[in-house]
Protein backbone atom coordinates (compact mmCIF):
# COMPACT_ATOMS: atom_id res chain seq x y z
CA MET A 1 11.89 -1.63 -8.57
CA THR A 2 13.18 1.52 -10.22
CA PRO A 3 10.34 4.00 -10.62
CA ASP A 4 9.95 5.70 -13.99
CA ASN A 5 9.77 9.51 -14.20
CA ASN A 6 5.97 9.69 -13.76
CA THR A 7 6.07 7.35 -10.79
CA ALA A 8 8.99 9.21 -9.23
CA ALA A 9 7.15 12.53 -9.62
CA PHE A 10 4.00 11.02 -8.09
CA TYR A 11 5.87 9.73 -5.03
CA LYS A 12 7.76 13.01 -4.64
CA LYS A 13 4.45 14.88 -4.54
CA LEU A 14 2.96 12.31 -2.15
CA LYS A 15 5.94 12.67 0.18
CA GLU A 16 5.49 16.46 0.24
CA GLN A 17 1.76 16.13 0.94
CA LEU A 18 2.32 13.61 3.73
CA SER A 19 5.01 15.79 5.29
CA ASP A 20 2.74 18.83 5.19
CA THR A 21 -0.42 17.18 6.52
CA SER A 22 0.75 14.81 9.25
CA THR A 23 2.98 14.67 12.29
CA TRP A 24 5.08 11.53 12.12
CA PRO A 25 4.91 8.77 13.23
CA ALA A 26 1.25 8.58 12.21
CA PRO A 27 -1.40 6.04 11.26
CA TYR A 28 -1.74 5.48 7.52
CA LEU A 29 -4.44 3.66 5.56
CA TYR A 30 -3.36 1.77 2.44
CA LYS A 31 -5.99 0.52 0.00
CA PHE A 32 -5.28 -1.96 -2.75
CA ILE A 33 -7.37 -3.83 -5.30
CA VAL A 34 -5.93 -7.23 -6.22
CA PRO A 35 -7.21 -10.12 -8.32
CA SER A 36 -8.81 -12.66 -5.96
CA ASP A 37 -5.76 -14.89 -5.80
CA ALA A 38 -4.77 -16.15 -2.35
CA THR A 39 -1.07 -16.07 -3.27
CA LYS A 40 -1.16 -12.41 -4.29
CA ILE A 41 -3.17 -11.39 -1.25
CA LYS A 42 -0.70 -13.24 0.99
CA GLN A 43 2.22 -11.45 -0.72
CA ILE A 44 0.66 -8.10 0.23
CA GLU A 45 -0.07 -9.23 3.78
CA ASP A 46 3.50 -10.51 4.15
CA ILE A 47 4.86 -7.06 3.24
CA PHE A 48 3.10 -5.67 6.31
CA ASP A 49 3.93 -8.63 8.57
CA HIS A 50 5.40 -7.64 11.96
CA THR A 51 4.28 -3.99 11.60
CA GLY A 52 1.19 -4.16 13.83
CA ALA A 53 -1.01 -3.59 10.77
CA VAL A 54 -4.75 -4.22 10.85
CA ILE A 55 -5.66 -5.84 7.54
CA ASN A 56 -9.19 -6.11 6.17
CA ARG A 57 -10.19 -7.95 3.00
CA LYS A 58 -13.43 -7.66 1.04
CA GLU A 59 -14.17 -9.64 -2.07
CA SER A 60 -16.00 -7.95 -4.96
CA ARG A 61 -19.56 -8.92 -5.77
CA THR A 62 -18.39 -11.08 -8.69
CA GLY A 63 -15.46 -12.53 -6.74
CA LYS A 64 -12.90 -11.49 -9.36
CA TYR A 65 -11.17 -8.93 -7.15
CA THR A 66 -10.43 -8.39 -3.49
CA SER A 67 -10.05 -5.05 -1.75
CA VAL A 68 -7.27 -5.09 0.83
CA SER A 69 -7.24 -2.24 3.39
CA ILE A 70 -4.26 -1.94 5.68
CA ASN A 71 -4.20 0.42 8.64
CA VAL A 72 -0.73 0.75 10.12
CA ARG A 73 1.37 3.25 12.07
CA MET A 74 4.23 4.46 9.87
CA LYS A 75 7.35 6.28 11.05
CA ASP A 76 7.61 8.81 8.19
CA PRO A 77 6.56 9.54 4.58
CA ASP A 78 9.56 7.61 3.23
CA ALA A 79 8.35 4.47 5.02
CA VAL A 80 4.87 4.94 3.50
CA ILE A 81 6.33 5.19 -0.01
CA GLU A 82 8.65 2.23 0.58
CA LYS A 83 5.63 0.01 1.28
CA TYR A 84 3.83 1.26 -1.84
CA LEU A 85 6.89 0.35 -3.92
CA GLU A 86 7.09 -3.11 -2.33
CA VAL A 87 3.40 -3.80 -2.98
CA GLY A 88 3.84 -2.48 -6.53
CA GLU A 89 5.99 -5.55 -7.21
CA VAL A 90 2.94 -7.80 -6.78
CA GLU A 91 1.46 -8.49 -10.22
CA GLY A 92 -2.00 -7.04 -10.90
CA VAL A 93 -2.24 -4.82 -7.81
CA ILE A 94 -3.90 -1.42 -8.08
CA SER A 95 -3.02 1.10 -5.36
CA LEU A 96 -5.77 3.53 -4.40
């Protein structure tokens, strides 16, 4: 995925904030909203496979969406952003 200018600016700012506020490696909490589709949820979980991540899922009241929270120790801000970009490839995902 090649980020557009707005996305690139967002991730540049995020990288600066993460560098300024944390000592790396550090735990990081990802939160995503995804349509309640087992395939899409599995795609997200597979991205964090073999990372020691703790993954929690919670379906919305109506069952249309699922919140996926992933708590994982990341080595640096670049690794955090890399995972966001990978998850961004999954159709319909909203990163919080």
